[in-house]
Amino acid sequence: MKAAKQPAPLAGQLIIAAFFMALLLPFIGSRFINSQIEKEQRLEMSLYGDDQGTYVNARADGWFRLWAIQSGLMNRAIHSTDAKTAPPAAAVAGAPGAIVIHDSAGRFGTISPQAGGSSPSSARRIWYWWVTAAFALCYFALLRLSTLLYWIPMLIPLCMAIMTTGNTVRRLKWHSFGGVNPFRYRAGIRLANWMAGIGVGMLFMPGALPPVTVPACVLLTFAGMAMAMANRQKPS
């Protein structure tokens, strides 16, 4: 009689679930994602002020234009299923799948996919919908990376202080009795892993989030690493 197979660990199951959710996320549509991008851009400006908020938003916009628009990557992805003989027409403002951007002047605009020469089929429309929404999610990620870059000067000294404290506590515990706690070591490892994974997932979260969400995940990741470091067994 064969032994029963062990189920996959919880972390592995969640990774698989997150992968399929990532494939399905664009099907919520670029229109909803666009409205959430605009909402988060306003949150940036309300938290950081008009000058700094506009700078953070414009930097993400510049990254997206350079990576997706000027390189032609977005247009090639959108028209990858088109007939080779049908050249794309000029871009149409307000077309389905347009991506909301925030320019350096503080105005909201759109980046629209180029329309095909003929009426697209249902399968092609689904592909347009999926690709434009996927690029809108990438715009979300760039916007949050721009926010994270804004916080880097404050996060670096905090993270260095947290790690230095964890290392100091570890050395003190190695020269005392019963200081190392295996439970806290495992809890620190899991906290660091979970918060790192959640932070990466939050980059592509389609809903508007407070601008401090990803920096907070980074800070908690280092806090977990410091907790594990402080409770590591002394090497023999």
C-alpha atoms as a PDB file:
ATOM      1  CA  MET A   1       0.000   0.000   0.000  1.00  0.00           C
ATOM      2  CA  LYS A   2       1.446   3.345  -1.060  1.00  0.00           C
ATOM      3  CA  ALA A   3       1.914   6.041   1.514  1.00  0.00           C
ATOM      4  CA  ALA A   4      -0.342   9.039   1.108  1.00  0.00           C
ATOM      5  CA  LYS A   5       1.339  11.954  -0.599  1.00  0.00           C
ATOM      6  CA  GLN A   6       1.999  14.933   1.596  1.00  0.00           C
ATOM      7  CA  PRO A   7       0.050  18.043   0.581  1.00  0.00           C
ATOM      8  CA  ALA A   8       1.989  20.983  -0.742  1.00  0.00           C
ATOM      9  CA  PRO A   9       3.105  23.424   1.941  1.00  0.00           C
ATOM     10  CA  LEU A  10       0.912  26.448   2.569  1.00  0.00           C
ATOM     11  CA  ALA A  11       3.475  28.833   1.109  1.00  0.00           C
ATOM     12  CA  GLY A  12       3.611  26.815  -2.112  1.00  0.00           C
ATOM     13  CA  GLN A  13      -0.175  26.753  -2.398  1.00  0.00           C
ATOM     14  CA  LEU A  14      -0.345  30.511  -1.887  1.00  0.00           C
ATOM     15  CA  ILE A  15       2.334  31.096  -4.526  1.00  0.00           C
ATOM     16  CA  ILE A  16       0.369  29.027  -7.036  1.00  0.00           C
ATOM     17  CA  ALA A  17      -2.843  30.862  -6.125  1.00  0.00           C
ATOM     18  CA  ALA A  18      -1.077  34.226  -6.484  1.00  0.00           C
ATOM     19  CA  PHE A  19       0.227  33.206  -9.919  1.00  0.00           C
ATOM     20  CA  PHE A  20      -3.252  32.401 -11.222  1.00  0.00           C
ATOM     21  CA  MET A  21      -4.666  35.538  -9.628  1.00  0.00           C
ATOM     22  CA  ALA A  22      -2.000  37.552 -11.439  1.00  0.00           C
ATOM     23  CA  LEU A  23      -3.127  36.018 -14.740  1.00  0.00           C
ATOM     24  CA  LEU A  24      -6.753  36.877 -13.973  1.00  0.00           C
ATOM     25  CA  LEU A  25      -6.191  40.375 -12.562  1.00  0.00           C
ATOM     26  CA  PRO A  26      -6.187  42.138 -15.956  1.00  0.00           C
ATOM     27  CA  PHE A  27      -9.653  40.766 -16.646  1.00  0.00           C
ATOM     28  CA  ILE A  28     -11.066  43.280 -14.188  1.00  0.00           C
ATOM     29  CA  GLY A  29     -10.492  45.747 -17.010  1.00  0.00           C
ATOM     30  CA  SER A  30      -8.255  48.737 -17.571  1.00  0.00           C
ATOM     31  CA  ARG A  31     -11.090  51.204 -16.926  1.00  0.00           C
ATOM     32  CA  PHE A  32     -11.331  50.196 -13.252  1.00  0.00           C
ATOM     33  CA  ILE A  33      -7.529  50.128 -12.919  1.00  0.00           C
ATOM     34  CA  ASN A  34      -7.322  53.588 -14.504  1.00  0.00           C
ATOM     35  CA  SER A  35      -9.756  55.028 -11.962  1.00  0.00           C
ATOM     36  CA  GLN A  36      -7.704  53.487  -9.136  1.00  0.00           C
ATOM     37  CA  ILE A  37      -4.449  54.883 -10.581  1.00  0.00           C
ATOM     38  CA  GLU A  38      -5.992  58.336 -10.673  1.00  0.00           C
ATOM     39  CA  LYS A  39      -7.203  57.918  -7.086  1.00  0.00           C
ATOM     40  CA  GLU A  40      -3.760  56.840  -5.846  1.00  0.00           C
ATOM     41  CA  GLN A  41      -2.106  59.714  -7.693  1.00  0.00           C
ATOM     42  CA  ARG A  42      -4.376  62.093  -5.813  1.00  0.00           C
ATOM     43  CA  LEU A  43      -3.479  60.351  -2.556  1.00  0.00           C
ATOM     44  CA  GLU A  44       0.187  60.954  -3.384  1.00  0.00           C
ATOM     45  CA  MET A  45      -0.430  64.644  -3.879  1.00  0.00           C
ATOM     46  CA  SER A  46      -2.551  64.981  -0.750  1.00  0.00           C
ATOM     47  CA  LEU A  47       0.104  63.264   1.401  1.00  0.00           C
ATOM     48  CA  TYR A  48       3.296  64.742  -0.055  1.00  0.00           C
ATOM     49  CA  GLY A  49       1.949  68.081  -1.224  1.00  0.00           C
ATOM     50  CA  ASP A  50       1.468  69.345  -4.758  1.00  0.00           C
ATOM     51  CA  ASP A  51       5.156  69.759  -5.608  1.00  0.00           C
ATOM     52  CA  GLN A  52       6.491  66.450  -4.254  1.00  0.00           C
ATOM     53  CA  GLY A  53       3.353  64.512  -5.232  1.00  0.00           C
ATOM     54  CA  THR A  54       3.541  65.798  -8.804  1.00  0.00           C
ATOM     55  CA  TYR A  55       7.253  64.923  -8.912  1.00  0.00           C
ATOM     56  CA  VAL A  56       6.614  61.336  -7.729  1.00  0.00           C
ATOM     57  CA  ASN A  57       3.772  60.863 -10.210  1.00  0.00           C
ATOM     58  CA  ALA A  58       5.675  62.448 -13.094  1.00  0.00           C
ATOM     59  CA  ARG A  59       8.711  60.232 -12.440  1.00  0.00           C
ATOM     60  CA  ALA A  60       6.534  57.100 -12.687  1.00  0.00           C
ATOM     61  CA  ASP A  61       4.960  58.507 -15.847  1.00  0.00           C
ATOM     62  CA  GLY A  62       8.401  59.079 -17.372  1.00  0.00           C
ATOM     63  CA  TRP A  63       9.486  55.544 -16.559  1.00  0.00           C
ATOM     64  CA  PHE A  64       6.325  54.117 -18.132  1.00  0.00           C
ATOM     65  CA  ARG A  65       6.628  56.220 -21.278  1.00  0.00           C
ATOM     66  CA  LEU A  66      10.271  55.235 -21.733  1.00  0.00           C
ATOM     67  CA  TRP A  67       9.671  51.521 -21.060  1.00  0.00           C
ATOM     68  CA  ALA A  68       6.279  50.902 -22.694  1.00  0.00           C
ATOM     69  CA  ILE A  69       5.431  53.762 -25.060  1.00  0.00           C
ATOM     70  CA  GLN A  70       8.638  55.088 -26.612  1.00  0.00           C
ATOM     71  CA  SER A  71      10.061  51.577 -26.953  1.00  0.00           C
ATOM     72  CA  GLY A  72       6.904  50.482 -28.771  1.00  0.00           C
ATOM     73  CA  LEU A  73       6.534  47.522 -26.405  1.00  0.00           C
ATOM     74  CA  MET A  74       2.913  48.233 -25.511  1.00  0.00           C
ATOM     75  CA  ASN A  75       1.868  48.802 -29.111  1.00  0.00           C
ATOM     76  CA  ARG A  76       3.596  45.609 -30.289  1.00  0.00           C
ATOM     77  CA  ALA A  77       1.956  43.603 -27.515  1.00  0.00           C
ATOM     78  CA  ILE A  78      -1.488  44.991 -28.324  1.00  0.00           C
ATOM     79  CA  HIS A  79      -1.163  44.264 -32.040  1.00  0.00           C
ATOM     80  CA  SER A  80       0.701  40.976 -31.756  1.00  0.00           C
ATOM     81  CA  THR A  81      -2.457  39.090 -32.755  1.00  0.00           C
ATOM     82  CA  ASP A  82      -3.384  41.421 -35.613  1.00  0.00           C
ATOM     83  CA  ALA A  83      -3.116  40.380 -39.227  1.00  0.00           C
ATOM     84  CA  LYS A  84       0.344  41.157 -40.568  1.00  0.00           C
ATOM     85  CA  THR A  85      -1.125  42.988 -43.565  1.00  0.00           C
ATOM     86  CA  ALA A  86      -3.258  45.368 -41.490  1.00  0.00           C
ATOM     87  CA  PRO A  87      -1.092  48.342 -40.466  1.00  0.00           C
ATOM     88  CA  PRO A  88      -2.201  50.126 -37.274  1.00  0.00           C
ATOM     89  CA  ALA A  89      -3.926  53.455 -37.613  1.00  0.00           C
ATOM     90  CA  ALA A  90      -3.140  56.531 -35.570  1.00  0.00           C
ATOM     91  CA  ALA A  91      -3.751  56.449 -31.834  1.00  0.00           C
ATOM     92  CA  VAL A  92      -7.269  57.387 -30.815  1.00  0.00           C
ATOM     93  CA  ALA A  93      -7.652  59.392 -27.596  1.00  0.00           C
ATOM     94  CA  GLY A  94     -10.180  57.850 -25.259  1.00  0.00           C
ATOM     95  CA  ALA A  95     -10.097  54.459 -26.981  1.00  0.00           C
ATOM     96  CA  PRO A  96     -10.961  51.352 -24.934  1.00  0.00           C
ATOM     97  CA  GLY A  97      -8.014  50.316 -22.823  1.00  0.00           C
ATOM     98  CA  ALA A  98      -6.511  53.806 -22.505  1.00  0.00           C
ATOM     99  CA  ILE A  99      -4.119  54.099 -19.585  1.00  0.00           C
ATOM    100  CA  VAL A 100      -4.409  57.102 -17.302  1.00  0.00           C
ATOM    101  CA  ILE A 101      -1.164  58.982 -16.712  1.00  0.00           C
ATOM    102  CA  HIS A 102      -0.202  61.976 -14.620  1.00  0.00           C
ATOM    103  CA  ASP A 103       2.038  64.442 -16.394  1.00  0.00           C
ATOM    104  CA  SER A 104       4.583  66.831 -14.923  1.00  0.00           C
ATOM    105  CA  ALA A 105       2.111  69.706 -15.075  1.00  0.00           C
ATOM    106  CA  GLY A 106      -0.227  67.921 -12.680  1.00  0.00           C
ATOM    107  CA  ARG A 107      -2.883  67.117 -15.278  1.00  0.00           C
ATOM    108  CA  PHE A 108      -4.454  63.734 -15.806  1.00  0.00           C
ATOM    109  CA  GLY A 109      -4.378  62.340 -19.336  1.00  0.00           C
ATOM    110  CA  THR A 110      -4.504  59.037 -21.206  1.00  0.00           C
ATOM    111  CA  ILE A 111      -2.207  56.747 -23.111  1.00  0.00           C
ATOM    112  CA  SER A 112      -4.329  54.944 -25.688  1.00  0.00           C
ATOM    113  CA  PRO A 113      -3.591  51.827 -27.728  1.00  0.00           C
ATOM    114  CA  GLN A 114      -3.584  52.234 -31.464  1.00  0.00           C
ATOM    115  CA  ALA A 115      -6.705  51.041 -33.176  1.00  0.00           C
ATOM    116  CA  GLY A 116      -6.582  48.293 -35.782  1.00  0.00           C
ATOM    117  CA  GLY A 117      -7.603  48.859 -39.355  1.00  0.00           C
ATOM    118  CA  SER A 118     -10.724  46.709 -39.182  1.00  0.00           C
ATOM    119  CA  SER A 119     -13.282  45.841 -36.561  1.00  0.00           C
ATOM    120  CA  PRO A 120     -11.584  43.464 -34.110  1.00  0.00           C
ATOM    121  CA  SER A 121     -12.991  40.036 -33.387  1.00  0.00           C
ATOM    122  CA  SER A 122     -14.181  38.998 -29.940  1.00  0.00           C
ATOM    123  CA  ALA A 123     -10.955  37.110 -29.217  1.00  0.00           C
ATOM    124  CA  ARG A 124      -8.884  40.126 -30.290  1.00  0.00           C
ATOM    125  CA  ARG A 125     -10.961  42.447 -28.127  1.00  0.00           C
ATOM    126  CA  ILE A 126     -10.318  40.188 -25.114  1.00  0.00           C
ATOM    127  CA  TRP A 127      -6.613  40.253 -25.938  1.00  0.00           C
ATOM    128  CA  TYR A 128      -6.651  44.074 -26.203  1.00  0.00           C
ATOM    129  CA  TRP A 129      -8.516  44.242 -22.894  1.00  0.00           C
ATOM    130  CA  TRP A 130      -6.075  41.897 -21.154  1.00  0.00           C
ATOM    131  CA  VAL A 131      -2.899  43.543 -22.508  1.00  0.00           C
ATOM    132  CA  THR A 132      -3.942  47.125 -21.786  1.00  0.00           C
ATOM    133  CA  ALA A 133      -5.008  46.163 -18.278  1.00  0.00           C
ATOM    134  CA  ALA A 134      -1.719  44.295 -17.744  1.00  0.00           C
ATOM    135  CA  PHE A 135       0.223  47.415 -18.768  1.00  0.00           C
ATOM    136  CA  ALA A 136      -1.968  49.475 -16.443  1.00  0.00           C
ATOM    137  CA  LEU A 137      -0.933  47.148 -13.609  1.00  0.00           C
ATOM    138  CA  CYS A 138       2.693  47.693 -14.601  1.00  0.00           C
ATOM    139  CA  TYR A 139       2.033  51.428 -14.403  1.00  0.00           C
ATOM    140  CA  PHE A 140       0.762  50.824 -10.856  1.00  0.00           C
ATOM    141  CA  ALA A 141       4.023  49.035 -10.025  1.00  0.00           C
ATOM    142  CA  LEU A 142       6.129  51.897 -11.404  1.00  0.00           C
ATOM    143  CA  LEU A 143       4.054  54.420  -9.466  1.00  0.00           C
ATOM    144  CA  ARG A 144       4.658  52.530  -6.221  1.00  0.00           C
ATOM    145  CA  LEU A 145       8.350  52.067  -7.000  1.00  0.00           C
ATOM    146  CA  SER A 146       8.557  55.832  -7.475  1.00  0.00           C
ATOM    147  CA  THR A 147       6.900  56.248  -4.086  1.00  0.00           C
ATOM    148  CA  LEU A 148       9.328  53.750  -2.538  1.00  0.00           C
ATOM    149  CA  LEU A 149      12.247  55.688  -4.018  1.00  0.00           C
ATOM    150  CA  TYR A 150      10.884  58.807  -2.313  1.00  0.00           C
ATOM    151  CA  TRP A 151      11.038  56.972   1.038  1.00  0.00           C
ATOM    152  CA  ILE A 152      14.509  55.439   0.505  1.00  0.00           C
ATOM    153  CA  PRO A 153      16.445  58.240   2.289  1.00  0.00           C
ATOM    154  CA  MET A 154      14.295  57.617   5.385  1.00  0.00           C
ATOM    155  CA  LEU A 155      14.156  53.818   5.074  1.00  0.00           C
ATOM    156  CA  ILE A 156      17.905  53.233   4.753  1.00  0.00           C
ATOM    157  CA  PRO A 157      18.859  54.587   8.213  1.00  0.00           C
ATOM    158  CA  LEU A 158      15.841  52.888   9.823  1.00  0.00           C
ATOM    159  CA  CYS A 159      16.627  49.513   8.249  1.00  0.00           C
ATOM    160  CA  MET A 160      20.309  49.832   9.136  1.00  0.00           C
ATOM    161  CA  ALA A 161      19.378  50.635  12.734  1.00  0.00           C
ATOM    162  CA  ILE A 162      17.006  47.655  12.913  1.00  0.00           C
ATOM    163  CA  MET A 163      19.599  45.234  11.524  1.00  0.00           C
ATOM    164  CA  THR A 164      22.354  46.626  13.748  1.00  0.00           C
ATOM    165  CA  THR A 165      20.097  46.186  16.782  1.00  0.00           C
ATOM    166  CA  GLY A 166      19.327  42.594  15.794  1.00  0.00           C
ATOM    167  CA  ASN A 167      23.017  41.799  15.344  1.00  0.00           C
ATOM    168  CA  THR A 168      23.922  43.409  18.679  1.00  0.00           C
ATOM    169  CA  VAL A 169      21.176  41.529  20.533  1.00  0.00           C
ATOM    170  CA  ARG A 170      22.357  38.270  18.930  1.00  0.00           C
ATOM    171  CA  ARG A 171      25.910  38.758  20.182  1.00  0.00           C
ATOM    172  CA  LEU A 172      24.686  39.672  23.665  1.00  0.00           C
ATOM    173  CA  LYS A 173      22.507  36.555  23.811  1.00  0.00           C
ATOM    174  CA  TRP A 174      25.412  34.346  22.821  1.00  0.00           C
ATOM    175  CA  HIS A 175      27.147  35.380  26.033  1.00  0.00           C
ATOM    176  CA  SER A 176      24.148  34.970  28.331  1.00  0.00           C
ATOM    177  CA  PHE A 177      22.050  32.029  29.550  1.00  0.00           C
ATOM    178  CA  GLY A 178      18.838  31.030  27.782  1.00  0.00           C
ATOM    179  CA  GLY A 179      18.644  34.139  25.647  1.00  0.00           C
ATOM    180  CA  VAL A 180      17.997  32.530  22.263  1.00  0.00           C
ATOM    181  CA  ASN A 181      14.321  31.798  21.512  1.00  0.00           C
ATOM    182  CA  PRO A 182      13.692  29.286  18.664  1.00  0.00           C
ATOM    183  CA  PHE A 183      10.041  30.364  18.421  1.00  0.00           C
ATOM    184  CA  ARG A 184      11.018  34.003  17.842  1.00  0.00           C
ATOM    185  CA  TYR A 185      13.618  32.875  15.312  1.00  0.00           C
ATOM    186  CA  ARG A 186      10.971  31.027  13.264  1.00  0.00           C
ATOM    187  CA  ALA A 187       8.515  33.900  13.691  1.00  0.00           C
ATOM    188  CA  GLY A 188      11.121  36.354  12.408  1.00  0.00           C
ATOM    189  CA  ILE A 189      11.871  34.211   9.358  1.00  0.00           C
ATOM    190  CA  ARG A 190       8.184  33.930   8.523  1.00  0.00           C
ATOM    191  CA  LEU A 191       7.544  37.625   9.117  1.00  0.00           C
ATOM    192  CA  ALA A 192      10.390  38.567   6.785  1.00  0.00           C
ATOM    193  CA  ASN A 193       9.282  36.127   4.067  1.00  0.00           C
ATOM    194  CA  TRP A 194       5.611  37.044   4.270  1.00  0.00           C
ATOM    195  CA  MET A 195       6.139  40.795   4.330  1.00  0.00           C
ATOM    196  CA  ALA A 196       8.608  40.593   1.421  1.00  0.00           C
ATOM    197  CA  GLY A 197       6.068  38.587  -0.583  1.00  0.00           C
ATOM    198  CA  ILE A 198       3.207  40.903   0.360  1.00  0.00           C
ATOM    199  CA  GLY A 199       5.316  43.935  -0.546  1.00  0.00           C
ATOM    200  CA  VAL A 200       5.990  42.559  -4.034  1.00  0.00           C
ATOM    201  CA  GLY A 201       2.311  41.685  -4.429  1.00  0.00           C
ATOM    202  CA  MET A 202       1.285  45.182  -3.347  1.00  0.00           C
ATOM    203  CA  LEU A 203       3.241  46.643  -6.256  1.00  0.00           C
ATOM    204  CA  PHE A 204       0.645  45.183  -8.644  1.00  0.00           C
ATOM    205  CA  MET A 205      -2.438  45.494  -6.423  1.00  0.00           C
ATOM    206  CA  PRO A 206      -5.083  47.049  -8.711  1.00  0.00           C
ATOM    207  CA  GLY A 207      -6.837  49.006  -5.947  1.00  0.00           C
ATOM    208  CA  ALA A 208      -5.605  52.373  -4.711  1.00  0.00           C
ATOM    209  CA  LEU A 209      -3.467  51.992  -1.580  1.00  0.00           C
ATOM    210  CA  PRO A 210      -2.080  54.516   0.911  1.00  0.00           C
ATOM    211  CA  PRO A 211       1.317  55.683  -0.389  1.00  0.00           C
ATOM    212  CA  VAL A 212       3.054  54.287   2.709  1.00  0.00           C
ATOM    213  CA  THR A 213       1.955  50.666   2.150  1.00  0.00           C
ATOM    214  CA  VAL A 214       4.993  49.338   0.268  1.00  0.00           C
ATOM    215  CA  PRO A 215       7.539  51.215   2.442  1.00  0.00           C
ATOM    216  CA  ALA A 216       5.819  49.758   5.516  1.00  0.00           C
ATOM    217  CA  CYS A 217       6.180  46.244   4.063  1.00  0.00           C
ATOM    218  CA  VAL A 218       9.899  46.883   3.489  1.00  0.00           C
ATOM    219  CA  LEU A 219      10.304  48.058   7.088  1.00  0.00           C
ATOM    220  CA  LEU A 220       8.470  45.006   8.469  1.00  0.00           C
ATOM    221  CA  THR A 221      10.601  42.715   6.281  1.00  0.00           C
ATOM    222  CA  PHE A 222      13.759  44.059   7.886  1.00  0.00           C
ATOM    223  CA  ALA A 223      12.121  43.845  11.314  1.00  0.00           C
ATOM    224  CA  GLY A 224      11.523  40.122  10.734  1.00  0.00           C
ATOM    225  CA  MET A 225      15.095  39.628   9.560  1.00  0.00           C
ATOM    226  CA  ALA A 226      16.385  41.384  12.681  1.00  0.00           C
ATOM    227  CA  MET A 227      14.171  39.227  14.927  1.00  0.00           C
ATOM    228  CA  ALA A 228      15.508  36.060  13.315  1.00  0.00           C
ATOM    229  CA  MET A 229      19.057  37.348  13.550  1.00  0.00           C
ATOM    230  CA  ALA A 230      18.669  38.171  17.260  1.00  0.00           C
ATOM    231  CA  ASN A 231      17.550  34.613  18.014  1.00  0.00           C
ATOM    232  CA  ARG A 232      20.010  32.657  15.917  1.00  0.00           C
ATOM    233  CA  GLN A 233      21.865  29.859  17.638  1.00  0.00           C
ATOM    234  CA  LYS A 234      25.534  30.414  18.391  1.00  0.00           C
ATOM    235  CA  PRO A 235      27.678  28.501  15.881  1.00  0.00           C
ATOM    236  CA  SER A 236      29.647  25.646  17.391  1.00  0.00           C
END
